[in-house]
Protein backbone atom coordinates (compact mmCIF):
# COMPACT_ATOMS: atom_id res chain seq x y z
CA MET A 1 14.83 -29.79 -24.29
CA GLN A 2 11.88 -28.87 -26.50
CA ASN A 3 9.66 -28.00 -23.50
CA GLN A 4 12.41 -25.77 -22.10
CA LEU A 5 12.23 -23.68 -25.26
CA ALA A 6 8.42 -23.54 -25.52
CA ALA A 7 8.07 -19.99 -24.12
CA LEU A 8 10.85 -18.78 -26.39
CA GLN A 9 9.31 -20.40 -29.47
CA SER A 10 5.86 -19.05 -28.60
CA ASN A 11 7.22 -15.52 -28.37
CA ILE A 12 8.89 -15.92 -31.75
CA HIS A 13 5.61 -17.22 -33.16
CA PHE A 14 3.63 -14.24 -31.87
CA LEU A 15 6.21 -11.70 -33.02
CA ASN A 16 6.15 -13.27 -36.50
CA GLN A 17 2.35 -13.06 -36.38
CA GLY A 18 2.73 -9.32 -35.74
CA ILE A 19 5.14 -8.98 -38.66
CA GLU A 20 2.66 -10.78 -40.90
CA LEU A 21 -0.18 -8.50 -39.81
CA LEU A 22 1.90 -5.34 -40.25
CA SER A 23 2.94 -6.48 -43.72
CA SER A 24 -0.74 -6.49 -44.70
CA VAL A 25 -1.91 -3.16 -43.24
CA SER A 26 -1.32 0.26 -44.74
CA ASP A 27 0.81 2.99 -43.21
CA GLU A 28 -2.42 4.94 -42.74
CA LEU A 29 -4.03 2.17 -40.67
CA TYR A 30 -0.83 1.75 -38.68
CA THR A 31 -0.70 5.40 -37.63
CA LYS A 32 -4.42 6.16 -37.42
CA ASN A 33 -5.40 7.34 -33.94
CA ASN A 34 -1.79 7.60 -32.71
CA GLY A 35 -1.07 10.80 -30.86
CA PRO A 36 -0.73 12.39 -27.46
CA TYR A 37 -4.48 12.60 -26.82
CA ASN A 38 -5.64 9.46 -28.57
CA LYS A 39 -4.03 6.30 -27.32
CA SER A 40 -5.93 3.76 -29.38
CA GLY A 41 -3.75 3.54 -32.49
CA ILE A 42 -2.25 0.16 -33.32
CA GLY A 43 1.18 1.73 -33.71
CA ARG A 44 1.11 2.75 -30.05
CA HIS A 45 0.23 -0.80 -29.01
CA PHE A 46 3.00 -2.28 -31.15
CA ARG A 47 5.50 0.21 -29.69
CA HIS A 48 4.42 -0.74 -26.18
CA ILE A 49 4.79 -4.46 -26.95
CA ILE A 50 8.22 -4.26 -28.55
CA GLU A 51 9.67 -2.00 -25.89
CA HIS A 52 8.90 -4.71 -23.33
CA TYR A 53 10.92 -7.11 -25.49
CA PHE A 54 13.75 -4.57 -25.68
CA SER A 55 13.75 -4.49 -21.87
CA LEU A 56 14.13 -8.28 -21.77
CA ILE A 57 16.86 -8.37 -24.41
CA ASP A 58 18.84 -5.62 -22.69
CA SER A 59 18.60 -7.55 -19.41
CA LYS A 60 20.84 -10.35 -20.63
CA TYR A 61 23.74 -7.96 -20.24
CA ILE A 62 22.85 -6.41 -16.88
CA GLY A 63 20.53 -8.86 -15.07
CA LEU A 64 17.80 -6.24 -14.59
CA ILE A 65 14.58 -5.96 -16.57
CA ASP A 66 13.20 -2.51 -15.95
CA TYR A 67 9.85 -2.33 -17.71
CA ASP A 68 9.40 1.23 -16.38
CA ALA A 69 12.52 2.57 -18.12
CA ARG A 70 11.32 1.97 -21.67
CA GLU A 71 12.54 4.44 -24.28
CA ARG A 72 9.09 5.17 -25.75
CA ASN A 73 10.51 5.75 -29.22
CA LEU A 74 7.76 7.49 -31.20
CA ARG A 75 9.28 6.36 -34.49
CA LEU A 76 8.20 2.82 -33.59
CA GLU A 77 4.56 3.86 -33.44
CA ASN A 78 4.65 6.08 -36.51
CA ASP A 79 6.84 4.15 -38.97
CA ARG A 80 5.37 0.77 -39.87
CA GLU A 81 8.45 -0.40 -41.80
CA PHE A 82 10.71 0.55 -38.88
CA MET A 83 8.47 -1.47 -36.57
CA ILE A 84 8.62 -4.50 -38.87
CA SER A 85 12.41 -4.23 -38.97
CA SER A 86 12.55 -3.88 -35.18
CA LEU A 87 10.29 -6.91 -34.68
CA ARG A 88 12.60 -8.93 -36.95
CA GLU A 89 15.58 -7.86 -34.84
CA VAL A 90 13.83 -9.01 -31.67
CA VAL A 91 12.97 -12.35 -33.31
CA SER A 92 16.64 -12.73 -34.27
CA SER A 93 17.74 -11.99 -30.69
CA LEU A 94 15.29 -14.55 -29.33
CA GLN A 95 16.46 -17.13 -31.87
CA GLU A 96 20.04 -16.54 -30.67
CA LEU A 97 18.86 -17.15 -27.12
CA SER A 98 17.55 -20.57 -28.18
CA ASN A 99 21.20 -21.55 -28.82
CA THR A 100 21.88 -21.21 -25.09
CA PRO A 101 18.77 -22.65 -23.39
CA GLU A 102 20.49 -22.63 -20.01
CA LYS A 103 20.15 -18.83 -20.03
CA LEU A 104 16.38 -19.23 -19.75
CA ALA A 105 16.87 -20.24 -16.12
CA GLN A 106 19.02 -17.16 -15.46
CA THR A 107 17.76 -15.16 -12.49
CA VAL A 108 16.96 -11.52 -13.20
CA GLN A 109 15.63 -8.64 -11.18
CA ILE A 110 12.36 -7.08 -12.37
CA ARG A 111 11.13 -3.53 -11.94
CA SER A 112 7.60 -2.72 -13.00
CA ASN A 113 5.45 0.08 -11.64
CA GLU A 114 2.97 -1.37 -9.18
CA GLY A 115 0.69 1.59 -8.79
CA VAL A 116 -0.29 4.99 -10.05
CA GLY A 117 2.34 7.55 -9.14
CA GLU A 118 4.60 4.94 -7.57
CA ASP A 119 8.28 5.84 -7.95
CA ASN A 120 11.17 3.49 -7.38
CA SER A 121 9.14 0.31 -7.51
CA PRO A 122 10.79 -2.50 -5.55
CA LEU A 123 12.67 -5.20 -7.43
CA SER A 124 11.35 -8.74 -7.73
CA ASP A 125 13.17 -11.95 -8.58
CA SER A 126 12.31 -13.77 -11.77
CA THR A 127 13.93 -15.75 -14.58
CA ILE A 128 14.26 -15.12 -18.29
CA ARG A 129 11.83 -18.03 -18.91
CA ARG A 130 9.21 -16.55 -16.56
CA GLU A 131 9.50 -13.17 -18.25
CA LEU A 132 9.09 -14.84 -21.64
CA GLN A 133 5.88 -16.39 -20.28
CA PHE A 134 4.74 -12.93 -19.17
CA LEU A 135 5.56 -11.49 -22.60
CA ILE A 136 3.37 -14.08 -24.32
CA SER A 137 0.39 -12.99 -22.24
CA HIS A 138 1.23 -9.31 -22.60
CA THR A 139 1.66 -9.54 -26.38
CA VAL A 140 -1.54 -11.54 -26.95
CA HIS A 141 -3.48 -9.11 -24.75
CA HIS A 142 -2.34 -6.15 -26.84
CA TYR A 143 -2.87 -8.08 -30.06
CA ALA A 144 -6.51 -8.57 -29.02
CA LEU A 145 -6.83 -4.80 -28.62
CA ILE A 146 -5.08 -4.22 -31.95
CA GLY A 147 -7.50 -6.66 -33.61
CA LEU A 148 -10.50 -4.81 -32.20
CA ILE A 149 -9.10 -1.44 -33.28
CA LEU A 150 -8.46 -2.74 -36.80
CA GLU A 151 -11.98 -4.14 -37.03
CA THR A 152 -13.41 -0.72 -36.14
CA LEU A 153 -11.32 0.66 -39.00
CA GLY A 154 -12.69 -1.92 -41.46
CA PHE A 155 -9.71 -4.32 -41.48
CA LYS A 156 -10.26 -7.95 -40.43
CA PRO A 157 -7.15 -9.65 -38.98
CA ASP A 158 -6.64 -13.41 -39.11
CA GLU A 159 -9.01 -15.33 -36.80
CA SER A 160 -6.14 -16.43 -34.53
CA PHE A 161 -4.66 -12.94 -34.10
CA GLY A 162 -4.98 -11.81 -30.49
CA VAL A 163 -6.26 -15.14 -29.23
CA ALA A 164 -4.47 -16.84 -26.34
CA PRO A 165 -2.83 -20.20 -27.11
CA SER A 166 -4.93 -21.90 -24.43
CA THR A 167 -8.11 -20.52 -26.02
CA LEU A 168 -7.07 -21.74 -29.47
CA LYS A 169 -6.35 -25.19 -28.02
CA TYR A 170 -9.71 -25.24 -26.19
CA GLU A 171 -11.60 -24.23 -29.34
CA GLN A 172 -9.83 -26.93 -31.40
CA GLN A 173 -10.72 -29.57 -28.79
CA LYS A 174 -14.30 -28.35 -28.68
CA GLN A 175 -14.60 -28.55 -32.47
CA ALA A 176 -13.15 -32.08 -32.43
CA VAL A 177 -15.74 -33.16 -29.86
CA GLU A 178 -18.55 -31.55 -31.87
CA LYS A 179 -17.42 -33.30 -35.05
CA ALA A 180 -17.25 -36.64 -33.24
CA SER A 181 -20.82 -36.20 -31.91
């Protein structure tokens, strides 16, 4: 049973990591470089991440995850406290999903733009578990960008922020081998 919930638990872990980071940055850092012509603000990345989770959560009612139809709520990228609250709501929704692990195998249809200017992307089959696996990769990828942006602004995130789980595991194994040598 534990392995069946691994993707769900990993997503919860990474979302909590985001909450922890956002609790330690200022509103100014959160909104710096957000705007229509500058797309490198961390608020924009967090908005992008969470709206993918909203797409997944909404799918449990309709069986369709449409990553292209995100709301793009600007308040999420400009209001750090609102983002923290929204992340907590997503964590709560994912924790509820852990009470019904059989739903992880639920088949869903996925829509995600496959090319520049492509309208009406075809649907693909997937499962909630597979989309949770995708969201881990997607979230960590954006966290890596957020970490780099914060470093350019003089803020150093935790060493594990934005690092893939497989990379963390590899580095721990490598350190263990070096210590044993």
